[in-house]
Amino acid sequence: MDYSFETIEYEVADQVATIILDRPDQLNALSPRMIGDLRRAYAAAEADDEVWLLLVTGKGRAFCAGADVTEIPDDGRVVYDEPYLSTFPQWEAPQEGTPPFRTMTKPVLVAVNGLCCGAGLDWVTTGDIVIASDRAEFFDPHVSIGLVAGRESVRLARALPTHIAMRMALMGRHERMSAQRAYELGLVSEVVEHDRLIERARELAARVNRNAPLAVRGTRLAIRRGLDLPMHEAEIMAEAFRERVVRTDDAKEGPRAFVEKRDPVWRCR
């Protein structure tokens, strides 16, 4: 399938859709064009039966430096292609480059290759598996340029201890968190030598994809959706997802392959 994007690279291989942010001279800052490209790429990956997992990384020395401040209108409005406030997403918190993590089924693996700040943090706080290069650094510059740190800081406060998230939000661009510190705090799950980052990301993607894809999606949804619910309701919802997947061919293939001492052949149905 042919995809044409101006600001990202997109390719599908080995049941992985790889999205590479490709504005290295602008530190992969999010322009309206890049936001549009990302939305189309996420939709393409979610709709493609050949894709079981999304991998997101950046080109150059930065992962993403947040929104491109040179393209923010003087009135501060978020740029949309549609007339102002004419669509539902415009009434929501702006998502910019965030994957549609609340509605998509397929897992997102994020490989942070360098500087990650502002809206770039959204991939870290909403990604399902996040690893980082040992050159990665994290900070939120909003207050340093006169803006409120909005959804980014709210999400950080769910991923980090409150006082750590508050420190990052209030220090702005005047303090950066190292990759090792992010690992120690659980913001990323692994720190990798820079030159091995993509190799390692693909290793992890391949390991996830050795599992039954529908079971992976149901498990992901159970955890993601459950985070917004009280524990008991989350448990009931997770069991509902389990019961749905039990009815699939893959749920029969797994035990059969175990008994026959062979690798399962997943058909995603």
C-alpha atoms as a PDB file:
ATOM      1  CA  MET A   1       0.000   0.000   0.000  1.00  0.00           C
ATOM      2  CA  ASP A   2       1.371   3.436  -0.953  1.00  0.00           C
ATOM      3  CA  TYR A   3       1.412   6.218   1.634  1.00  0.00           C
ATOM      4  CA  SER A   4       2.592   9.754   0.893  1.00  0.00           C
ATOM      5  CA  PHE A   5       3.490  12.004   3.789  1.00  0.00           C
ATOM      6  CA  GLU A   6       5.470  15.245   3.877  1.00  0.00           C
ATOM      7  CA  THR A   7       6.687  15.335   7.461  1.00  0.00           C
ATOM      8  CA  ILE A   8       6.934  11.706   8.534  1.00  0.00           C
ATOM      9  CA  GLU A   9       8.182   8.426   7.161  1.00  0.00           C
ATOM     10  CA  TYR A  10       5.751   5.511   7.233  1.00  0.00           C
ATOM     11  CA  GLU A  11       6.434   1.901   6.397  1.00  0.00           C
ATOM     12  CA  VAL A  12       4.909  -1.480   7.183  1.00  0.00           C
ATOM     13  CA  ALA A  13       7.061  -4.573   7.557  1.00  0.00           C
ATOM     14  CA  ASP A  14       6.858  -7.693   9.710  1.00  0.00           C
ATOM     15  CA  GLN A  15       3.424  -6.610  10.967  1.00  0.00           C
ATOM     16  CA  VAL A  16       4.859  -3.390  12.406  1.00  0.00           C
ATOM     17  CA  ALA A  17       3.926   0.087  11.180  1.00  0.00           C
ATOM     18  CA  THR A  18       6.941   2.316  11.755  1.00  0.00           C
ATOM     19  CA  ILE A  19       6.329   6.062  11.990  1.00  0.00           C
ATOM     20  CA  ILE A  20       9.432   8.279  11.952  1.00  0.00           C
ATOM     21  CA  LEU A  21       9.046  11.983  12.710  1.00  0.00           C
ATOM     22  CA  ASP A  22      10.971  13.618   9.885  1.00  0.00           C
ATOM     23  CA  ARG A  23      11.566  17.324  10.517  1.00  0.00           C
ATOM     24  CA  PRO A  24      15.069  17.005  11.981  1.00  0.00           C
ATOM     25  CA  ASP A  25      16.076  20.597  11.197  1.00  0.00           C
ATOM     26  CA  GLN A  26      13.116  21.752  13.325  1.00  0.00           C
ATOM     27  CA  LEU A  27      13.837  19.135  16.035  1.00  0.00           C
ATOM     28  CA  ASN A  28      10.701  17.329  14.826  1.00  0.00           C
ATOM     29  CA  ALA A  29       8.522  20.107  16.191  1.00  0.00           C
ATOM     30  CA  LEU A  30       4.837  19.542  15.500  1.00  0.00           C
ATOM     31  CA  SER A  31       3.523  21.680  12.663  1.00  0.00           C
ATOM     32  CA  PRO A  32      -0.108  21.572  11.496  1.00  0.00           C
ATOM     33  CA  ARG A  33       1.075  19.548   8.496  1.00  0.00           C
ATOM     34  CA  MET A  34       2.832  16.996  10.698  1.00  0.00           C
ATOM     35  CA  ILE A  35      -0.232  16.694  12.936  1.00  0.00           C
ATOM     36  CA  GLY A  36      -2.342  15.947   9.863  1.00  0.00           C
ATOM     37  CA  ASP A  37       0.179  13.404   8.585  1.00  0.00           C
ATOM     38  CA  LEU A  38       0.251  11.674  11.966  1.00  0.00           C
ATOM     39  CA  ARG A  39      -3.522  11.435  12.165  1.00  0.00           C
ATOM     40  CA  ARG A  40      -3.640   9.823   8.734  1.00  0.00           C
ATOM     41  CA  ALA A  41      -0.807   7.436   9.644  1.00  0.00           C
ATOM     42  CA  TYR A  42      -2.491   6.335  12.874  1.00  0.00           C
ATOM     43  CA  ALA A  43      -5.749   5.730  11.024  1.00  0.00           C
ATOM     44  CA  ALA A  44      -3.959   3.784   8.276  1.00  0.00           C
ATOM     45  CA  ALA A  45      -2.169   1.565  10.787  1.00  0.00           C
ATOM     46  CA  GLU A  46      -5.297   0.886  12.817  1.00  0.00           C
ATOM     47  CA  ALA A  47      -7.237  -0.083   9.669  1.00  0.00           C
ATOM     48  CA  ASP A  48      -4.487  -2.261   8.159  1.00  0.00           C
ATOM     49  CA  ASP A  49      -4.871  -5.987   8.889  1.00  0.00           C
ATOM     50  CA  GLU A  50      -1.150  -6.429   8.220  1.00  0.00           C
ATOM     51  CA  VAL A  51      -0.280  -4.162  11.165  1.00  0.00           C
ATOM     52  CA  TRP A  52      -0.253  -5.598  14.670  1.00  0.00           C
ATOM     53  CA  LEU A  53       1.824  -2.892  16.387  1.00  0.00           C
ATOM     54  CA  LEU A  54       2.887   0.735  15.826  1.00  0.00           C
ATOM     55  CA  LEU A  55       6.460   1.908  16.427  1.00  0.00           C
ATOM     56  CA  VAL A  56       7.103   5.664  16.722  1.00  0.00           C
ATOM     57  CA  THR A  57      10.527   7.319  16.771  1.00  0.00           C
ATOM     58  CA  GLY A  58      12.233  10.458  15.488  1.00  0.00           C
ATOM     59  CA  LYS A  59      14.951  11.372  13.026  1.00  0.00           C
ATOM     60  CA  GLY A  60      17.965  13.417  14.065  1.00  0.00           C
ATOM     61  CA  ARG A  61      19.024  14.532  17.543  1.00  0.00           C
ATOM     62  CA  ALA A  62      15.491  15.127  18.813  1.00  0.00           C
ATOM     63  CA  PHE A  63      12.474  12.911  19.242  1.00  0.00           C
ATOM     64  CA  CYS A  64      10.057  15.855  19.315  1.00  0.00           C
ATOM     65  CA  ALA A  65      10.569  19.384  20.624  1.00  0.00           C
ATOM     66  CA  GLY A  66       6.842  19.971  21.088  1.00  0.00           C
ATOM     67  CA  ALA A  67       4.660  22.293  19.046  1.00  0.00           C
ATOM     68  CA  ASP A  68       6.314  24.452  16.400  1.00  0.00           C
ATOM     69  CA  VAL A  69       6.050  27.886  18.045  1.00  0.00           C
ATOM     70  CA  THR A  70       6.655  29.602  14.701  1.00  0.00           C
ATOM     71  CA  GLU A  71       3.278  28.291  13.512  1.00  0.00           C
ATOM     72  CA  ILE A  72       1.171  29.184  16.558  1.00  0.00           C
ATOM     73  CA  PRO A  73      -1.291  31.977  15.616  1.00  0.00           C
ATOM     74  CA  ASP A  74      -1.176  35.248  17.554  1.00  0.00           C
ATOM     75  CA  ASP A  75      -4.564  34.499  19.093  1.00  0.00           C
ATOM     76  CA  GLY A  76      -3.201  31.228  20.507  1.00  0.00           C
ATOM     77  CA  ARG A  77      -5.765  29.030  18.800  1.00  0.00           C
ATOM     78  CA  VAL A  78      -4.865  25.495  17.827  1.00  0.00           C
ATOM     79  CA  VAL A  79      -4.753  25.232  14.039  1.00  0.00           C
ATOM     80  CA  TYR A  80      -7.382  22.980  12.435  1.00  0.00           C
ATOM     81  CA  ASP A  81      -8.253  22.452   8.781  1.00  0.00           C
ATOM     82  CA  GLU A  82     -11.962  22.824   9.572  1.00  0.00           C
ATOM     83  CA  PRO A  83     -13.733  26.049  10.606  1.00  0.00           C
ATOM     84  CA  TYR A  84     -13.127  26.953  14.233  1.00  0.00           C
ATOM     85  CA  LEU A  85     -15.122  24.797  16.706  1.00  0.00           C
ATOM     86  CA  SER A  86     -16.990  23.054  13.896  1.00  0.00           C
ATOM     87  CA  THR A  87     -15.872  19.534  14.867  1.00  0.00           C
ATOM     88  CA  PHE A  88     -15.928  17.565  18.108  1.00  0.00           C
ATOM     89  CA  PRO A  89     -12.123  17.215  18.487  1.00  0.00           C
ATOM     90  CA  GLN A  90     -11.856  21.010  18.684  1.00  0.00           C
ATOM     91  CA  TRP A  91     -13.926  20.932  21.887  1.00  0.00           C
ATOM     92  CA  GLU A  92     -11.586  18.397  23.435  1.00  0.00           C
ATOM     93  CA  ALA A  93      -8.114  19.006  24.832  1.00  0.00           C
ATOM     94  CA  PRO A  94      -5.819  19.434  21.806  1.00  0.00           C
ATOM     95  CA  GLN A  95      -4.122  16.109  21.036  1.00  0.00           C
ATOM     96  CA  GLU A  96      -1.528  17.318  18.497  1.00  0.00           C
ATOM     97  CA  GLY A  97       0.740  14.298  17.897  1.00  0.00           C
ATOM     98  CA  THR A  98      -0.841  11.995  20.475  1.00  0.00           C
ATOM     99  CA  PRO A  99      -1.892   8.596  19.116  1.00  0.00           C
ATOM    100  CA  PRO A 100      -5.641   8.050  19.586  1.00  0.00           C
ATOM    101  CA  PHE A 101      -4.798   5.833  22.555  1.00  0.00           C
ATOM    102  CA  ARG A 102      -8.308   5.863  24.007  1.00  0.00           C
ATOM    103  CA  THR A 103      -9.974   4.507  20.859  1.00  0.00           C
ATOM    104  CA  MET A 104      -7.343   2.509  18.954  1.00  0.00           C
ATOM    105  CA  THR A 105      -6.810  -1.195  19.630  1.00  0.00           C
ATOM    106  CA  LYS A 106      -3.234  -1.785  18.490  1.00  0.00           C
ATOM    107  CA  PRO A 107      -0.317  -1.197  20.879  1.00  0.00           C
ATOM    108  CA  VAL A 108       2.134   1.663  20.428  1.00  0.00           C
ATOM    109  CA  LEU A 109       5.841   1.225  21.119  1.00  0.00           C
ATOM    110  CA  VAL A 110       7.745   4.505  21.457  1.00  0.00           C
ATOM    111  CA  ALA A 111      11.519   4.782  20.992  1.00  0.00           C
ATOM    112  CA  VAL A 112      12.698   8.180  22.251  1.00  0.00           C
ATOM    113  CA  ASN A 113      15.867   8.931  20.325  1.00  0.00           C
ATOM    114  CA  GLY A 114      16.784  12.322  21.793  1.00  0.00           C
ATOM    115  CA  LEU A 115      15.325  15.553  23.086  1.00  0.00           C
ATOM    116  CA  CYS A 116      11.691  15.125  24.118  1.00  0.00           C
ATOM    117  CA  CYS A 117       9.700  18.030  25.482  1.00  0.00           C
ATOM    118  CA  GLY A 118       6.298  19.719  25.482  1.00  0.00           C
ATOM    119  CA  ALA A 119       3.874  17.894  23.239  1.00  0.00           C
ATOM    120  CA  GLY A 120       6.584  15.312  22.580  1.00  0.00           C
ATOM    121  CA  LEU A 121       5.930  14.044  26.100  1.00  0.00           C
ATOM    122  CA  ASP A 122       2.479  12.898  24.979  1.00  0.00           C
ATOM    123  CA  TRP A 123       3.996   9.831  23.324  1.00  0.00           C
ATOM    124  CA  VAL A 124       5.803   8.994  26.560  1.00  0.00           C
ATOM    125  CA  THR A 125       2.698   9.290  28.742  1.00  0.00           C
ATOM    126  CA  THR A 126       0.306   7.512  26.362  1.00  0.00           C
ATOM    127  CA  GLY A 127       2.597   4.955  24.701  1.00  0.00           C
ATOM    128  CA  ASP A 128       2.135   1.331  25.744  1.00  0.00           C
ATOM    129  CA  ILE A 129       5.845   0.461  25.802  1.00  0.00           C
ATOM    130  CA  VAL A 130       8.373   3.307  25.947  1.00  0.00           C
ATOM    131  CA  ILE A 131      12.142   2.948  25.676  1.00  0.00           C
ATOM    132  CA  ALA A 132      14.759   5.670  25.398  1.00  0.00           C
ATOM    133  CA  SER A 133      18.205   6.276  24.001  1.00  0.00           C
ATOM    134  CA  ASP A 134      20.836   7.102  26.599  1.00  0.00           C
ATOM    135  CA  ARG A 135      20.983  10.508  24.890  1.00  0.00           C
ATOM    136  CA  ALA A 136      17.305  11.260  25.539  1.00  0.00           C
ATOM    137  CA  GLU A 137      16.311  14.202  27.744  1.00  0.00           C
ATOM    138  CA  PHE A 138      12.882  15.246  28.964  1.00  0.00           C
ATOM    139  CA  PHE A 139      11.378  18.582  30.026  1.00  0.00           C
ATOM    140  CA  ASP A 140       8.243  20.699  29.667  1.00  0.00           C
ATOM    141  CA  PRO A 141       8.987  24.269  28.471  1.00  0.00           C
ATOM    142  CA  HIS A 142       5.463  25.736  28.574  1.00  0.00           C
ATOM    143  CA  VAL A 143       5.848  28.075  31.555  1.00  0.00           C
ATOM    144  CA  SER A 144       9.162  29.322  30.154  1.00  0.00           C
ATOM    145  CA  ILE A 145       7.418  30.696  27.055  1.00  0.00           C
ATOM    146  CA  GLY A 146       4.427  32.122  28.905  1.00  0.00           C
ATOM    147  CA  LEU A 147       2.008  29.223  28.426  1.00  0.00           C
ATOM    148  CA  VAL A 148       0.165  26.959  30.830  1.00  0.00           C
ATOM    149  CA  ALA A 149       1.388  23.359  30.783  1.00  0.00           C
ATOM    150  CA  GLY A 150      -1.994  21.759  30.083  1.00  0.00           C
ATOM    151  CA  ARG A 151      -2.707  18.164  29.172  1.00  0.00           C
ATOM    152  CA  GLU A 152       1.031  17.406  29.084  1.00  0.00           C
ATOM    153  CA  SER A 153       1.475  18.125  32.788  1.00  0.00           C
ATOM    154  CA  VAL A 154      -1.820  16.450  33.711  1.00  0.00           C
ATOM    155  CA  ARG A 155      -0.667  13.280  31.971  1.00  0.00           C
ATOM    156  CA  LEU A 156       2.768  13.511  33.589  1.00  0.00           C
ATOM    157  CA  ALA A 157       1.121  13.699  37.007  1.00  0.00           C
ATOM    158  CA  ARG A 158      -0.530  10.336  36.270  1.00  0.00           C
ATOM    159  CA  ALA A 159       2.746   8.774  35.137  1.00  0.00           C
ATOM    160  CA  LEU A 160       5.045  10.219  37.829  1.00  0.00           C
ATOM    161  CA  PRO A 161       4.808  11.051  41.531  1.00  0.00           C
ATOM    162  CA  THR A 162       2.978  14.354  41.838  1.00  0.00           C
ATOM    163  CA  HIS A 163       5.931  16.315  43.199  1.00  0.00           C
ATOM    164  CA  ILE A 164       8.179  15.069  40.391  1.00  0.00           C
ATOM    165  CA  ALA A 165       5.642  16.022  37.711  1.00  0.00           C
ATOM    166  CA  MET A 166       5.135  19.380  39.421  1.00  0.00           C
ATOM    167  CA  ARG A 167       8.857  20.029  39.460  1.00  0.00           C
ATOM    168  CA  MET A 168       9.145  19.298  35.747  1.00  0.00           C
ATOM    169  CA  ALA A 169       6.156  21.507  34.943  1.00  0.00           C
ATOM    170  CA  LEU A 170       7.285  24.444  37.088  1.00  0.00           C
ATOM    171  CA  MET A 171      10.986  24.344  36.184  1.00  0.00           C
ATOM    172  CA  GLY A 172      10.126  24.676  32.504  1.00  0.00           C
ATOM    173  CA  ARG A 173      13.085  24.669  30.166  1.00  0.00           C
ATOM    174  CA  HIS A 174      15.511  25.408  33.002  1.00  0.00           C
ATOM    175  CA  GLU A 175      15.863  21.785  34.095  1.00  0.00           C
ATOM    176  CA  ARG A 176      16.020  18.558  32.128  1.00  0.00           C
ATOM    177  CA  MET A 177      15.457  14.953  33.171  1.00  0.00           C
ATOM    178  CA  SER A 178      17.999  12.435  31.916  1.00  0.00           C
ATOM    179  CA  ALA A 179      17.073   9.118  30.355  1.00  0.00           C
ATOM    180  CA  GLN A 180      18.466   7.273  33.366  1.00  0.00           C
ATOM    181  CA  ARG A 181      16.400   9.358  35.790  1.00  0.00           C
ATOM    182  CA  ALA A 182      13.306   8.767  33.641  1.00  0.00           C
ATOM    183  CA  TYR A 183      13.989   5.040  33.871  1.00  0.00           C
ATOM    184  CA  GLU A 184      14.425   5.171  37.643  1.00  0.00           C
ATOM    185  CA  LEU A 185      11.070   6.936  37.962  1.00  0.00           C
ATOM    186  CA  GLY A 186       9.285   4.527  35.622  1.00  0.00           C
ATOM    187  CA  LEU A 187       8.630   7.074  32.870  1.00  0.00           C
ATOM    188  CA  VAL A 188      10.423   4.771  30.415  1.00  0.00           C
ATOM    189  CA  SER A 189      10.879   1.022  30.760  1.00  0.00           C
ATOM    190  CA  GLU A 190      14.390   0.706  29.347  1.00  0.00           C
ATOM    191  CA  VAL A 191      17.418   2.818  28.422  1.00  0.00           C
ATOM    192  CA  VAL A 192      19.399   1.662  25.397  1.00  0.00           C
ATOM    193  CA  GLU A 193      22.714   2.668  23.892  1.00  0.00           C
ATOM    194  CA  HIS A 194      21.848   5.262  21.285  1.00  0.00           C
ATOM    195  CA  ASP A 195      23.143   3.345  18.289  1.00  0.00           C
ATOM    196  CA  ARG A 196      21.087   0.273  19.270  1.00  0.00           C
ATOM    197  CA  LEU A 197      17.801   2.058  19.908  1.00  0.00           C
ATOM    198  CA  ILE A 198      15.934   1.094  16.732  1.00  0.00           C
ATOM    199  CA  GLU A 199      17.369  -2.409  16.726  1.00  0.00           C
ATOM    200  CA  ARG A 200      16.133  -2.883  20.288  1.00  0.00           C
ATOM    201  CA  ALA A 201      12.733  -1.367  19.496  1.00  0.00           C
ATOM    202  CA  ARG A 202      12.283  -3.833  16.655  1.00  0.00           C
ATOM    203  CA  GLU A 203      13.321  -6.702  18.933  1.00  0.00           C
ATOM    204  CA  LEU A 204      10.621  -5.717  21.412  1.00  0.00           C
ATOM    205  CA  ALA A 205       8.048  -5.260  18.653  1.00  0.00           C
ATOM    206  CA  ALA A 206       8.823  -8.745  17.354  1.00  0.00           C
ATOM    207  CA  ARG A 207       8.415 -10.203  20.855  1.00  0.00           C
ATOM    208  CA  VAL A 208       5.018  -8.577  21.301  1.00  0.00           C
ATOM    209  CA  ASN A 209       3.972  -9.843  17.887  1.00  0.00           C
ATOM    210  CA  ARG A 210       4.840 -13.430  18.832  1.00  0.00           C
ATOM    211  CA  ASN A 211       1.735 -13.290  21.016  1.00  0.00           C
ATOM    212  CA  ALA A 212      -1.858 -13.647  19.867  1.00  0.00           C
ATOM    213  CA  PRO A 213      -2.729 -10.235  18.369  1.00  0.00           C
ATOM    214  CA  LEU A 214      -6.359 -10.156  19.481  1.00  0.00           C
ATOM    215  CA  ALA A 215      -5.353 -11.173  22.996  1.00  0.00           C
ATOM    216  CA  VAL A 216      -2.764  -8.380  22.985  1.00  0.00           C
ATOM    217  CA  ARG A 217      -5.384  -5.844  21.898  1.00  0.00           C
ATOM    218  CA  GLY A 218      -7.920  -7.022  24.444  1.00  0.00           C
ATOM    219  CA  THR A 219      -5.320  -6.873  27.203  1.00  0.00           C
ATOM    220  CA  ARG A 220      -4.242  -3.399  26.150  1.00  0.00           C
ATOM    221  CA  LEU A 221      -7.842  -2.169  26.090  1.00  0.00           C
ATOM    222  CA  ALA A 222      -8.570  -3.711  29.487  1.00  0.00           C
ATOM    223  CA  ILE A 223      -5.662  -1.835  31.057  1.00  0.00           C
ATOM    224  CA  ARG A 224      -6.167   1.454  29.209  1.00  0.00           C
ATOM    225  CA  ARG A 225      -9.910   1.641  29.727  1.00  0.00           C
ATOM    226  CA  GLY A 226      -9.610   0.361  33.264  1.00  0.00           C
ATOM    227  CA  LEU A 227      -7.368   3.240  34.330  1.00  0.00           C
ATOM    228  CA  ASP A 228     -10.364   5.581  34.131  1.00  0.00           C
ATOM    229  CA  LEU A 229     -12.628   3.325  36.231  1.00  0.00           C
ATOM    230  CA  PRO A 230     -12.933   2.170  39.840  1.00  0.00           C
ATOM    231  CA  MET A 231     -11.217  -1.194  40.389  1.00  0.00           C
ATOM    232  CA  HIS A 232     -14.309  -3.411  40.467  1.00  0.00           C
ATOM    233  CA  GLU A 233     -15.779  -1.922  37.268  1.00  0.00           C
ATOM    234  CA  ALA A 234     -12.375  -2.260  35.608  1.00  0.00           C
ATOM    235  CA  GLU A 235     -12.223  -5.947  36.556  1.00  0.00           C
ATOM    236  CA  ILE A 236     -15.685  -6.625  35.125  1.00  0.00           C
ATOM    237  CA  MET A 237     -14.803  -4.834  31.891  1.00  0.00           C
ATOM    238  CA  ALA A 238     -11.543  -6.790  31.582  1.00  0.00           C
ATOM    239  CA  GLU A 239     -13.459 -10.040  31.996  1.00  0.00           C
ATOM    240  CA  ALA A 240     -15.833  -8.958  29.221  1.00  0.00           C
ATOM    241  CA  PHE A 241     -12.852  -8.496  26.904  1.00  0.00           C
ATOM    242  CA  ARG A 242     -11.538 -11.911  27.952  1.00  0.00           C
ATOM    243  CA  GLU A 243     -14.859 -13.574  27.120  1.00  0.00           C
ATOM    244  CA  ARG A 244     -14.907 -11.987  23.681  1.00  0.00           C
ATOM    245  CA  VAL A 245     -11.420 -13.192  22.801  1.00  0.00           C
ATOM    246  CA  VAL A 246     -12.125 -16.719  24.090  1.00  0.00           C
ATOM    247  CA  ARG A 247     -14.532 -17.095  21.160  1.00  0.00           C
ATOM    248  CA  THR A 248     -11.787 -16.548  18.550  1.00  0.00           C
ATOM    249  CA  ASP A 249      -9.871 -19.109  16.514  1.00  0.00           C
ATOM    250  CA  ASP A 250      -6.595 -17.886  17.989  1.00  0.00           C
ATOM    251  CA  ALA A 251      -7.824 -18.673  21.501  1.00  0.00           C
ATOM    252  CA  LYS A 252      -8.181 -22.308  20.381  1.00  0.00           C
ATOM    253  CA  GLU A 253      -4.874 -22.297  18.499  1.00  0.00           C
ATOM    254  CA  GLY A 254      -2.819 -21.267  21.541  1.00  0.00           C
ATOM    255  CA  PRO A 255      -3.638 -24.268  23.781  1.00  0.00           C
ATOM    256  CA  ARG A 256      -3.536 -26.628  20.767  1.00  0.00           C
ATOM    257  CA  ALA A 257      -0.023 -25.481  19.836  1.00  0.00           C
ATOM    258  CA  PHE A 258       1.103 -25.827  23.463  1.00  0.00           C
ATOM    259  CA  VAL A 259      -0.101 -29.438  23.635  1.00  0.00           C
ATOM    260  CA  GLU A 260       1.472 -30.224  20.246  1.00  0.00           C
ATOM    261  CA  LYS A 261       4.768 -28.609  21.309  1.00  0.00           C
ATOM    262  CA  ARG A 262       4.950 -26.208  18.361  1.00  0.00           C
ATOM    263  CA  ASP A 263       4.812 -22.478  17.772  1.00  0.00           C
ATOM    264  CA  PRO A 264       1.251 -21.162  17.353  1.00  0.00           C
ATOM    265  CA  VAL A 265       0.126 -19.787  14.003  1.00  0.00           C
ATOM    266  CA  TRP A 266      -1.896 -16.681  14.758  1.00  0.00           C
ATOM    267  CA  ARG A 267      -4.518 -15.696  12.217  1.00  0.00           C
ATOM    268  CA  CYS A 268      -5.893 -12.672  14.027  1.00  0.00           C
ATOM    269  CA  ARG A 269      -9.422 -14.048  14.018  1.00  0.00           C
END
